């Protein structure tokens, strides 16, 4: 049985790796979270009701139409937050999902995260939340900024149970400010929306002299069957709620982010080892990964 499980895991990993045109190198893929999530994500891809393509037509999600219709009211609240410097990077190690983005200029203000709206958002964004409250497929939402010269490195998100929705609010309206998903470029425009599959490798850049502000949402992926939808909702809710991050005191912090400040100490030790001796770093890294894999395989 363990060999069957191993073969299934290898097949799922191979599918995750070869699914797009843009891919990590072999060793980078081995340690990427998409490898460990590949069996669960393969299930989601198999029963997805929408195409498995980097970009999807917004018309496939008619329930999202009120968001675009109210984009100017949403923009007004985002601009007020930006002017008050409330769209910001986390000052603590309590945002495991986006921690690596902060040093490249990216900032955020959470509206909701797989749960009730953040109290800080209720107090400052009533119009935006009034729109989102009537769209249950919107599981998470935030305002996100990318400053002039800001970049996001090549990455993919861990769980395929959601799709990503962006609505341009204040953008350079310039091709120099764009997101590139599986090699396909999209430039944000004020009042325009885009939906994409964030489990394809993607990156972003702002080569202009203006800030970019967008509404950034996680949309529940539509599934072919009700039982598959219920499974996706349950797993996605459990996994993603654990990564809830606060804007301010009083907002909820998920257990994964409460643990992140301790987990990051391991990451810092790895960085110090890598700076001292890259060969030693990679030997320790692959011995650790290999040991965990062997332990799990022989245990089951």
C-alpha atoms as a PDB file:
ATOM      1  CA  UNK A   1       0.000   0.000   0.000  1.00  0.00           C
ATOM      2  CA  UNK A   2       2.805   2.438   0.834  1.00  0.00           C
ATOM      3  CA  UNK A   3       4.204   1.988  -2.688  1.00  0.00           C
ATOM      4  CA  UNK A   4       0.807   2.793  -4.194  1.00  0.00           C
ATOM      5  CA  UNK A   5       0.617   5.926  -2.056  1.00  0.00           C
ATOM      6  CA  UNK A   6       4.136   6.885  -3.101  1.00  0.00           C
ATOM      7  CA  UNK A   7       3.321   6.446  -6.796  1.00  0.00           C
ATOM      8  CA  UNK A   8       0.156   8.542  -6.422  1.00  0.00           C
ATOM      9  CA  UNK A   9       2.157  11.259  -4.673  1.00  0.00           C
ATOM     10  CA  UNK A  10       4.815  11.242  -7.426  1.00  0.00           C
ATOM     11  CA  UNK A  11       2.136  11.414 -10.129  1.00  0.00           C
ATOM     12  CA  UNK A  12       0.400  14.349  -8.413  1.00  0.00           C
ATOM     13  CA  UNK A  13       3.707  16.172  -7.977  1.00  0.00           C
ATOM     14  CA  UNK A  14       4.596  15.631 -11.635  1.00  0.00           C
ATOM     15  CA  UNK A  15       1.209  17.021 -12.668  1.00  0.00           C
ATOM     16  CA  UNK A  16       1.631  20.101 -10.456  1.00  0.00           C
ATOM     17  CA  UNK A  17       5.099  20.682 -11.923  1.00  0.00           C
ATOM     18  CA  UNK A  18       4.220  20.192 -15.594  1.00  0.00           C
ATOM     19  CA  UNK A  19       0.802  21.852 -15.457  1.00  0.00           C
ATOM     20  CA  UNK A  20       2.006  25.238 -16.672  1.00  0.00           C
ATOM     21  CA  UNK A  21       4.489  26.625 -19.165  1.00  0.00           C
ATOM     22  CA  UNK A  22       6.590  28.276 -16.445  1.00  0.00           C
ATOM     23  CA  UNK A  23       8.192  25.856 -13.986  1.00  0.00           C
ATOM     24  CA  UNK A  24      10.606  25.752 -11.089  1.00  0.00           C
ATOM     25  CA  UNK A  25      13.867  23.889 -11.459  1.00  0.00           C
ATOM     26  CA  UNK A  26      13.978  20.293 -10.224  1.00  0.00           C
ATOM     27  CA  UNK A  27      15.444  20.930  -6.755  1.00  0.00           C
ATOM     28  CA  UNK A  28      13.359  24.075  -6.211  1.00  0.00           C
ATOM     29  CA  UNK A  29      10.245  22.061  -7.028  1.00  0.00           C
ATOM     30  CA  UNK A  30      11.155  19.327  -4.545  1.00  0.00           C
ATOM     31  CA  UNK A  31      11.066  21.749  -1.619  1.00  0.00           C
ATOM     32  CA  UNK A  32       8.165  23.889  -2.885  1.00  0.00           C
ATOM     33  CA  UNK A  33       4.878  23.753  -0.991  1.00  0.00           C
ATOM     34  CA  UNK A  34       3.100  22.800  -4.227  1.00  0.00           C
ATOM     35  CA  UNK A  35       4.846  19.408  -3.981  1.00  0.00           C
ATOM     36  CA  UNK A  36       3.427  18.700  -0.535  1.00  0.00           C
ATOM     37  CA  UNK A  37      -0.013  20.035  -1.480  1.00  0.00           C
ATOM     38  CA  UNK A  38      -0.119  18.256  -4.850  1.00  0.00           C
ATOM     39  CA  UNK A  39      -2.417  15.311  -3.872  1.00  0.00           C
ATOM     40  CA  UNK A  40      -5.021  17.674  -2.407  1.00  0.00           C
ATOM     41  CA  UNK A  41      -4.697  20.148  -5.270  1.00  0.00           C
ATOM     42  CA  UNK A  42      -4.938  17.366  -7.861  1.00  0.00           C
ATOM     43  CA  UNK A  43      -8.296  16.407  -6.357  1.00  0.00           C
ATOM     44  CA  UNK A  44      -9.440  20.017  -6.692  1.00  0.00           C
ATOM     45  CA  UNK A  45      -8.276  20.280 -10.312  1.00  0.00           C
ATOM     46  CA  UNK A  46      -9.993  16.986 -11.167  1.00  0.00           C
ATOM     47  CA  UNK A  47     -13.401  18.132  -9.934  1.00  0.00           C
ATOM     48  CA  UNK A  48     -13.149  21.828 -10.815  1.00  0.00           C
ATOM     49  CA  UNK A  49     -16.148  23.215 -12.689  1.00  0.00           C
ATOM     50  CA  UNK A  50     -14.113  25.962 -14.365  1.00  0.00           C
ATOM     51  CA  UNK A  51     -11.271  25.558 -16.882  1.00  0.00           C
ATOM     52  CA  UNK A  52      -7.746  24.794 -15.692  1.00  0.00           C
ATOM     53  CA  UNK A  53      -6.195  27.850 -17.341  1.00  0.00           C
ATOM     54  CA  UNK A  54      -3.999  30.654 -15.967  1.00  0.00           C
ATOM     55  CA  UNK A  55      -6.688  33.311 -16.535  1.00  0.00           C
ATOM     56  CA  UNK A  56     -10.454  32.840 -16.387  1.00  0.00           C
ATOM     57  CA  UNK A  57     -13.219  35.017 -17.781  1.00  0.00           C
ATOM     58  CA  UNK A  58     -14.905  37.082 -15.026  1.00  0.00           C
ATOM     59  CA  UNK A  59     -18.231  36.226 -16.697  1.00  0.00           C
ATOM     60  CA  UNK A  60     -17.861  32.713 -15.221  1.00  0.00           C
ATOM     61  CA  UNK A  61     -18.491  34.342 -11.828  1.00  0.00           C
ATOM     62  CA  UNK A  62     -21.655  36.454 -12.275  1.00  0.00           C
ATOM     63  CA  UNK A  63     -22.034  36.843  -8.506  1.00  0.00           C
ATOM     64  CA  UNK A  64     -18.980  39.141  -8.567  1.00  0.00           C
ATOM     65  CA  UNK A  65     -20.668  41.752 -10.797  1.00  0.00           C
ATOM     66  CA  UNK A  66     -21.726  43.984  -7.835  1.00  0.00           C
ATOM     67  CA  UNK A  67     -18.062  44.457  -6.899  1.00  0.00           C
ATOM     68  CA  UNK A  68     -17.181  46.040 -10.230  1.00  0.00           C
ATOM     69  CA  UNK A  69     -20.429  48.015 -10.217  1.00  0.00           C
ATOM     70  CA  UNK A  70     -19.415  49.631  -6.914  1.00  0.00           C
ATOM     71  CA  UNK A  71     -15.747  50.066  -7.727  1.00  0.00           C
ATOM     72  CA  UNK A  72     -15.697  53.831  -7.186  1.00  0.00           C
ATOM     73  CA  UNK A  73     -17.166  53.545  -3.670  1.00  0.00           C
ATOM     74  CA  UNK A  74     -14.661  50.785  -2.908  1.00  0.00           C
ATOM     75  CA  UNK A  75     -11.833  52.916  -4.311  1.00  0.00           C
ATOM     76  CA  UNK A  76     -12.787  55.845  -2.054  1.00  0.00           C
ATOM     77  CA  UNK A  77     -12.333  53.695   1.060  1.00  0.00           C
ATOM     78  CA  UNK A  78      -9.053  52.268  -0.214  1.00  0.00           C
ATOM     79  CA  UNK A  79      -7.693  55.740  -0.946  1.00  0.00           C
ATOM     80  CA  UNK A  80      -8.687  56.955   2.529  1.00  0.00           C
ATOM     81  CA  UNK A  81      -6.830  54.024   4.093  1.00  0.00           C
ATOM     82  CA  UNK A  82      -3.790  54.624   1.895  1.00  0.00           C
ATOM     83  CA  UNK A  83      -3.693  58.320   2.762  1.00  0.00           C
ATOM     84  CA  UNK A  84      -3.906  57.415   6.459  1.00  0.00           C
ATOM     85  CA  UNK A  85      -0.980  54.934   6.014  1.00  0.00           C
ATOM     86  CA  UNK A  86      -3.180  52.026   7.141  1.00  0.00           C
ATOM     87  CA  UNK A  87      -2.377  49.865   4.141  1.00  0.00           C
ATOM     88  CA  UNK A  88       0.951  48.615   5.416  1.00  0.00           C
ATOM     89  CA  UNK A  89       3.368  45.763   5.889  1.00  0.00           C
ATOM     90  CA  UNK A  90       3.178  43.701   9.048  1.00  0.00           C
ATOM     91  CA  UNK A  91       5.554  44.927  11.716  1.00  0.00           C
ATOM     92  CA  UNK A  92       5.727  41.453  13.245  1.00  0.00           C
ATOM     93  CA  UNK A  93       6.181  37.887  12.030  1.00  0.00           C
ATOM     94  CA  UNK A  94       2.430  37.264  11.918  1.00  0.00           C
ATOM     95  CA  UNK A  95       1.658  37.032   8.188  1.00  0.00           C
ATOM     96  CA  UNK A  96       3.129  33.748   6.988  1.00  0.00           C
ATOM     97  CA  UNK A  97       1.397  33.881   3.605  1.00  0.00           C
ATOM     98  CA  UNK A  98       2.816  37.240   2.526  1.00  0.00           C
ATOM     99  CA  UNK A  99       5.815  37.835   4.792  1.00  0.00           C
ATOM    100  CA  UNK A 100       8.348  37.581   1.968  1.00  0.00           C
ATOM    101  CA  UNK A 101       6.515  40.261  -0.069  1.00  0.00           C
ATOM    102  CA  UNK A 102       6.918  43.066   2.463  1.00  0.00           C
ATOM    103  CA  UNK A 103      10.615  43.682   1.866  1.00  0.00           C
ATOM    104  CA  UNK A 104       9.852  44.334  -1.819  1.00  0.00           C
ATOM    105  CA  UNK A 105       7.350  47.084  -1.069  1.00  0.00           C
ATOM    106  CA  UNK A 106       4.037  45.212  -1.144  1.00  0.00           C
ATOM    107  CA  UNK A 107       1.528  46.242   1.559  1.00  0.00           C
ATOM    108  CA  UNK A 108      -1.980  45.175   2.549  1.00  0.00           C
ATOM    109  CA  UNK A 109      -5.059  45.929   4.648  1.00  0.00           C
ATOM    110  CA  UNK A 110      -7.250  42.894   5.357  1.00  0.00           C
ATOM    111  CA  UNK A 111     -11.002  43.218   4.998  1.00  0.00           C
ATOM    112  CA  UNK A 112     -11.771  39.565   5.816  1.00  0.00           C
ATOM    113  CA  UNK A 113      -9.901  36.282   5.809  1.00  0.00           C
ATOM    114  CA  UNK A 114     -11.961  33.056   5.570  1.00  0.00           C
ATOM    115  CA  UNK A 115     -14.039  34.257   8.497  1.00  0.00           C
ATOM    116  CA  UNK A 116     -15.935  37.296   9.710  1.00  0.00           C
ATOM    117  CA  UNK A 117     -14.646  40.733   8.650  1.00  0.00           C
ATOM    118  CA  UNK A 118     -11.769  42.159  10.663  1.00  0.00           C
ATOM    119  CA  UNK A 119     -13.042  44.653  13.284  1.00  0.00           C
ATOM    120  CA  UNK A 120     -10.545  47.205  11.966  1.00  0.00           C
ATOM    121  CA  UNK A 121     -12.167  46.886   8.532  1.00  0.00           C
ATOM    122  CA  UNK A 122     -15.705  47.144   9.885  1.00  0.00           C
ATOM    123  CA  UNK A 123     -14.765  50.506  11.367  1.00  0.00           C
ATOM    124  CA  UNK A 124     -13.154  51.904   8.209  1.00  0.00           C
ATOM    125  CA  UNK A 125     -14.662  50.151   5.159  1.00  0.00           C
ATOM    126  CA  UNK A 126     -18.451  49.866   5.618  1.00  0.00           C
ATOM    127  CA  UNK A 127     -19.300  50.302   1.941  1.00  0.00           C
ATOM    128  CA  UNK A 128     -16.824  47.703   0.709  1.00  0.00           C
ATOM    129  CA  UNK A 129     -17.925  45.190   3.331  1.00  0.00           C
ATOM    130  CA  UNK A 130     -21.586  45.824   2.489  1.00  0.00           C
ATOM    131  CA  UNK A 131     -20.844  44.673  -1.058  1.00  0.00           C
ATOM    132  CA  UNK A 132     -18.750  41.667  -0.030  1.00  0.00           C
ATOM    133  CA  UNK A 133     -21.189  40.542   2.658  1.00  0.00           C
ATOM    134  CA  UNK A 134     -23.718  39.599  -0.032  1.00  0.00           C
ATOM    135  CA  UNK A 135     -21.242  37.443  -2.000  1.00  0.00           C
ATOM    136  CA  UNK A 136     -20.543  34.263   0.016  1.00  0.00           C
ATOM    137  CA  UNK A 137     -18.059  32.933  -2.539  1.00  0.00           C
ATOM    138  CA  UNK A 138     -15.659  35.746  -1.587  1.00  0.00           C
ATOM    139  CA  UNK A 139     -13.715  34.017   1.171  1.00  0.00           C
ATOM    140  CA  UNK A 140     -10.993  36.599   1.686  1.00  0.00           C
ATOM    141  CA  UNK A 141     -10.437  40.197   0.686  1.00  0.00           C
ATOM    142  CA  UNK A 142      -7.897  42.945   1.190  1.00  0.00           C
ATOM    143  CA  UNK A 143      -6.618  46.161  -0.302  1.00  0.00           C
ATOM    144  CA  UNK A 144      -3.091  45.652  -1.645  1.00  0.00           C
ATOM    145  CA  UNK A 145      -0.560  48.199  -2.848  1.00  0.00           C
ATOM    146  CA  UNK A 146       2.568  47.894  -4.958  1.00  0.00           C
ATOM    147  CA  UNK A 147       4.745  51.030  -4.963  1.00  0.00           C
ATOM    148  CA  UNK A 148       6.889  52.391  -7.782  1.00  0.00           C
ATOM    149  CA  UNK A 149       9.729  49.944  -8.324  1.00  0.00           C
ATOM    150  CA  UNK A 150       7.986  47.248  -6.279  1.00  0.00           C
ATOM    151  CA  UNK A 151       8.140  43.620  -7.357  1.00  0.00           C
ATOM    152  CA  UNK A 152       6.796  40.240  -6.305  1.00  0.00           C
ATOM    153  CA  UNK A 153       9.094  37.321  -7.062  1.00  0.00           C
ATOM    154  CA  UNK A 154       8.024  34.200  -8.910  1.00  0.00           C
ATOM    155  CA  UNK A 155       5.750  32.116  -6.676  1.00  0.00           C
ATOM    156  CA  UNK A 156       2.550  30.118  -6.499  1.00  0.00           C
ATOM    157  CA  UNK A 157      -0.053  29.959  -3.748  1.00  0.00           C
ATOM    158  CA  UNK A 158      -0.401  26.698  -1.796  1.00  0.00           C
ATOM    159  CA  UNK A 159      -4.065  25.703  -2.115  1.00  0.00           C
ATOM    160  CA  UNK A 160      -6.032  25.357  -5.353  1.00  0.00           C
ATOM    161  CA  UNK A 161      -9.439  25.607  -3.664  1.00  0.00           C
ATOM    162  CA  UNK A 162      -9.658  29.333  -4.392  1.00  0.00           C
ATOM    163  CA  UNK A 163      -9.118  31.563  -7.411  1.00  0.00           C
ATOM    164  CA  UNK A 164      -7.757  35.075  -7.285  1.00  0.00           C
ATOM    165  CA  UNK A 165      -9.770  38.182  -8.193  1.00  0.00           C
ATOM    166  CA  UNK A 166      -8.190  41.611  -8.693  1.00  0.00           C
ATOM    167  CA  UNK A 167     -10.079  44.861  -9.241  1.00  0.00           C
ATOM    168  CA  UNK A 168      -8.031  47.892 -10.239  1.00  0.00           C
ATOM    169  CA  UNK A 169      -8.766  50.864  -7.955  1.00  0.00           C
ATOM    170  CA  UNK A 170      -5.865  53.309  -8.322  1.00  0.00           C
ATOM    171  CA  UNK A 171      -3.431  52.061 -10.938  1.00  0.00           C
ATOM    172  CA  UNK A 172      -0.795  53.590 -13.219  1.00  0.00           C
ATOM    173  CA  UNK A 173      -2.980  52.462 -16.165  1.00  0.00           C
ATOM    174  CA  UNK A 174       0.290  51.530 -17.776  1.00  0.00           C
ATOM    175  CA  UNK A 175       1.711  48.297 -19.167  1.00  0.00           C
ATOM    176  CA  UNK A 176       4.742  48.776 -16.929  1.00  0.00           C
ATOM    177  CA  UNK A 177       2.611  47.767 -13.936  1.00  0.00           C
ATOM    178  CA  UNK A 178       1.529  44.171 -14.426  1.00  0.00           C
ATOM    179  CA  UNK A 179       1.103  40.652 -13.138  1.00  0.00           C
ATOM    180  CA  UNK A 180       2.510  37.765 -15.169  1.00  0.00           C
ATOM    181  CA  UNK A 181       0.705  34.432 -14.664  1.00  0.00           C
ATOM    182  CA  UNK A 182       2.326  31.391 -16.307  1.00  0.00           C
ATOM    183  CA  UNK A 183       4.124  33.754 -18.660  1.00  0.00           C
ATOM    184  CA  UNK A 184       0.981  35.690 -19.696  1.00  0.00           C
ATOM    185  CA  UNK A 185       1.015  39.398 -18.848  1.00  0.00           C
ATOM    186  CA  UNK A 186      -1.946  41.420 -17.533  1.00  0.00           C
ATOM    187  CA  UNK A 187      -1.722  45.144 -16.775  1.00  0.00           C
ATOM    188  CA  UNK A 188      -4.104  46.547 -14.182  1.00  0.00           C
ATOM    189  CA  UNK A 189      -6.509  49.348 -15.140  1.00  0.00           C
ATOM    190  CA  UNK A 190      -8.801  51.463 -12.980  1.00  0.00           C
ATOM    191  CA  UNK A 191     -12.237  49.833 -12.665  1.00  0.00           C
ATOM    192  CA  UNK A 192     -11.225  46.671 -14.532  1.00  0.00           C
ATOM    193  CA  UNK A 193     -11.194  43.159 -13.104  1.00  0.00           C
ATOM    194  CA  UNK A 194      -9.225  39.982 -13.705  1.00  0.00           C
ATOM    195  CA  UNK A 195      -9.546  36.418 -12.388  1.00  0.00           C
ATOM    196  CA  UNK A 196      -6.618  34.004 -12.394  1.00  0.00           C
ATOM    197  CA  UNK A 197      -5.487  30.699 -10.928  1.00  0.00           C
ATOM    198  CA  UNK A 198      -2.848  31.553  -8.338  1.00  0.00           C
ATOM    199  CA  UNK A 199      -1.478  27.991  -8.284  1.00  0.00           C
ATOM    200  CA  UNK A 200       0.231  28.750 -11.596  1.00  0.00           C
ATOM    201  CA  UNK A 201       3.614  30.374 -11.113  1.00  0.00           C
ATOM    202  CA  UNK A 202       3.218  34.138 -11.231  1.00  0.00           C
ATOM    203  CA  UNK A 203       5.033  37.364 -10.387  1.00  0.00           C
ATOM    204  CA  UNK A 204       4.366  41.106 -10.522  1.00  0.00           C
ATOM    205  CA  UNK A 205       6.175  44.370 -11.091  1.00  0.00           C
ATOM    206  CA  UNK A 206       5.525  48.099 -11.016  1.00  0.00           C
ATOM    207  CA  UNK A 207       8.028  49.814 -13.272  1.00  0.00           C
ATOM    208  CA  UNK A 208       6.099  53.099 -13.232  1.00  0.00           C
ATOM    209  CA  UNK A 209       6.297  56.127 -10.933  1.00  0.00           C
ATOM    210  CA  UNK A 210       2.782  55.675  -9.478  1.00  0.00           C
ATOM    211  CA  UNK A 211       1.396  53.465  -6.731  1.00  0.00           C
ATOM    212  CA  UNK A 212      -0.932  50.618  -7.619  1.00  0.00           C
ATOM    213  CA  UNK A 213      -3.898  49.904  -5.326  1.00  0.00           C
ATOM    214  CA  UNK A 214      -6.219  46.969  -5.973  1.00  0.00           C
ATOM    215  CA  UNK A 215      -8.980  45.022  -4.282  1.00  0.00           C
ATOM    216  CA  UNK A 216      -7.576  41.502  -3.888  1.00  0.00           C
ATOM    217  CA  UNK A 217      -9.999  38.622  -3.209  1.00  0.00           C
ATOM    218  CA  UNK A 218      -9.959  34.855  -2.846  1.00  0.00           C
ATOM    219  CA  UNK A 219     -12.967  33.370  -4.646  1.00  0.00           C
ATOM    220  CA  UNK A 220     -14.129  29.871  -3.828  1.00  0.00           C
ATOM    221  CA  UNK A 221     -13.418  27.611  -6.792  1.00  0.00           C
ATOM    222  CA  UNK A 222     -16.664  26.183  -8.257  1.00  0.00           C
ATOM    223  CA  UNK A 223     -16.690  22.378  -8.161  1.00  0.00           C
ATOM    224  CA  UNK A 224     -18.632  19.884 -10.309  1.00  0.00           C
ATOM    225  CA  UNK A 225     -20.468  18.182  -7.450  1.00  0.00           C
ATOM    226  CA  UNK A 226     -21.979  19.373  -4.183  1.00  0.00           C
ATOM    227  CA  UNK A 227     -19.969  16.850  -2.155  1.00  0.00           C
ATOM    228  CA  UNK A 228     -16.758  18.071  -3.794  1.00  0.00           C
ATOM    229  CA  UNK A 229     -17.759  21.686  -3.097  1.00  0.00           C
ATOM    230  CA  UNK A 230     -18.445  20.849   0.563  1.00  0.00           C
ATOM    231  CA  UNK A 231     -15.076  19.093   0.852  1.00  0.00           C
ATOM    232  CA  UNK A 232     -13.252  22.010  -0.734  1.00  0.00           C
ATOM    233  CA  UNK A 233     -15.023  24.497   1.530  1.00  0.00           C
ATOM    234  CA  UNK A 234     -14.210  22.522   4.671  1.00  0.00           C
ATOM    235  CA  UNK A 235     -10.532  21.957   3.840  1.00  0.00           C
ATOM    236  CA  UNK A 236     -10.014  25.460   2.521  1.00  0.00           C
ATOM    237  CA  UNK A 237     -11.650  27.005   5.554  1.00  0.00           C
ATOM    238  CA  UNK A 238      -9.534  24.992   7.981  1.00  0.00           C
ATOM    239  CA  UNK A 239      -6.227  25.517   6.191  1.00  0.00           C
ATOM    240  CA  UNK A 240      -6.681  29.175   5.320  1.00  0.00           C
ATOM    241  CA  UNK A 241      -8.290  30.360   8.568  1.00  0.00           C
ATOM    242  CA  UNK A 242      -5.102  29.234  10.299  1.00  0.00           C
ATOM    243  CA  UNK A 243      -3.252  31.910   8.299  1.00  0.00           C
ATOM    244  CA  UNK A 244      -5.443  34.852   9.370  1.00  0.00           C
ATOM    245  CA  UNK A 245      -3.341  37.960  10.024  1.00  0.00           C
ATOM    246  CA  UNK A 246      -4.373  41.166  11.818  1.00  0.00           C
ATOM    247  CA  UNK A 247      -4.325  44.791  10.707  1.00  0.00           C
ATOM    248  CA  UNK A 248      -4.530  46.051  14.280  1.00  0.00           C
ATOM    249  CA  UNK A 249      -5.133  45.000  17.880  1.00  0.00           C
ATOM    250  CA  UNK A 250      -8.526  43.304  18.084  1.00  0.00           C
ATOM    251  CA  UNK A 251      -8.279  41.497  14.745  1.00  0.00           C
ATOM    252  CA  UNK A 252      -8.019  37.713  14.795  1.00  0.00           C
ATOM    253  CA  UNK A 253      -4.668  35.974  14.293  1.00  0.00           C
ATOM    254  CA  UNK A 254      -4.782  32.349  13.109  1.00  0.00           C
ATOM    255  CA  UNK A 255      -2.869  29.654  14.969  1.00  0.00           C
ATOM    256  CA  UNK A 256      -0.404  29.238  12.107  1.00  0.00           C
ATOM    257  CA  UNK A 257       0.536  32.898  12.323  1.00  0.00           C
ATOM    258  CA  UNK A 258       0.755  32.717  16.101  1.00  0.00           C
ATOM    259  CA  UNK A 259       3.329  29.955  15.614  1.00  0.00           C
ATOM    260  CA  UNK A 260       5.075  31.705  12.723  1.00  0.00           C
ATOM    261  CA  UNK A 261       7.290  33.919  14.904  1.00  0.00           C
ATOM    262  CA  UNK A 262       8.803  30.749  16.365  1.00  0.00           C
ATOM    263  CA  UNK A 263       8.998  28.933  13.040  1.00  0.00           C
ATOM    264  CA  UNK A 264      10.783  31.921  11.551  1.00  0.00           C
ATOM    265  CA  UNK A 265      13.650  31.403  13.987  1.00  0.00           C
ATOM    266  CA  UNK A 266      14.426  28.206  12.063  1.00  0.00           C
ATOM    267  CA  UNK A 267      14.337  30.178   8.833  1.00  0.00           C
ATOM    268  CA  UNK A 268      16.739  32.755  10.271  1.00  0.00           C
ATOM    269  CA  UNK A 269      19.122  30.000  11.354  1.00  0.00           C
ATOM    270  CA  UNK A 270      19.010  28.646   7.800  1.00  0.00           C
ATOM    271  CA  UNK A 271      19.801  32.087   6.388  1.00  0.00           C
ATOM    272  CA  UNK A 272      22.793  32.454   8.675  1.00  0.00           C
ATOM    273  CA  UNK A 273      24.042  28.989   7.712  1.00  0.00           C
ATOM    274  CA  UNK A 274      23.602  29.758   4.007  1.00  0.00           C
ATOM    275  CA  UNK A 275      25.506  33.033   4.364  1.00  0.00           C
ATOM    276  CA  UNK A 276      28.335  31.191   6.128  1.00  0.00           C
ATOM    277  CA  UNK A 277      28.551  28.147   3.846  1.00  0.00           C
ATOM    278  CA  UNK A 278      26.112  27.437   1.006  1.00  0.00           C
ATOM    279  CA  UNK A 279      27.264  23.830   0.629  1.00  0.00           C
ATOM    280  CA  UNK A 280      26.627  23.092   4.303  1.00  0.00           C
ATOM    281  CA  UNK A 281      23.231  24.777   4.053  1.00  0.00           C
ATOM    282  CA  UNK A 282      22.078  22.586   1.172  1.00  0.00           C
ATOM    283  CA  UNK A 283      23.436  19.408   2.783  1.00  0.00           C
ATOM    284  CA  UNK A 284      21.504  20.132   5.991  1.00  0.00           C
ATOM    285  CA  UNK A 285      18.399  21.155   4.042  1.00  0.00           C
ATOM    286  CA  UNK A 286      18.201  17.999   1.949  1.00  0.00           C
ATOM    287  CA  UNK A 287      19.109  15.711   4.835  1.00  0.00           C
ATOM    288  CA  UNK A 288      16.241  17.260   6.767  1.00  0.00           C
ATOM    289  CA  UNK A 289      13.739  16.950   3.910  1.00  0.00           C
ATOM    290  CA  UNK A 290      14.918  13.455   3.067  1.00  0.00           C
ATOM    291  CA  UNK A 291      14.723  12.319   6.685  1.00  0.00           C
ATOM    292  CA  UNK A 292      11.171  13.606   7.059  1.00  0.00           C
ATOM    293  CA  UNK A 293      10.112  11.934   3.792  1.00  0.00           C
ATOM    294  CA  UNK A 294      11.649   8.583   4.758  1.00  0.00           C
ATOM    295  CA  UNK A 295      10.130   8.742   8.246  1.00  0.00           C
ATOM    296  CA  UNK A 296       6.650   9.396   6.848  1.00  0.00           C
ATOM    297  CA  UNK A 297       6.967   6.752   4.138  1.00  0.00           C
ATOM    298  CA  UNK A 298       8.126   3.952   6.427  1.00  0.00           C
ATOM    299  CA  UNK A 299       5.689   4.950   9.173  1.00  0.00           C
ATOM    300  CA  UNK A 300       2.728   4.374   6.883  1.00  0.00           C
END
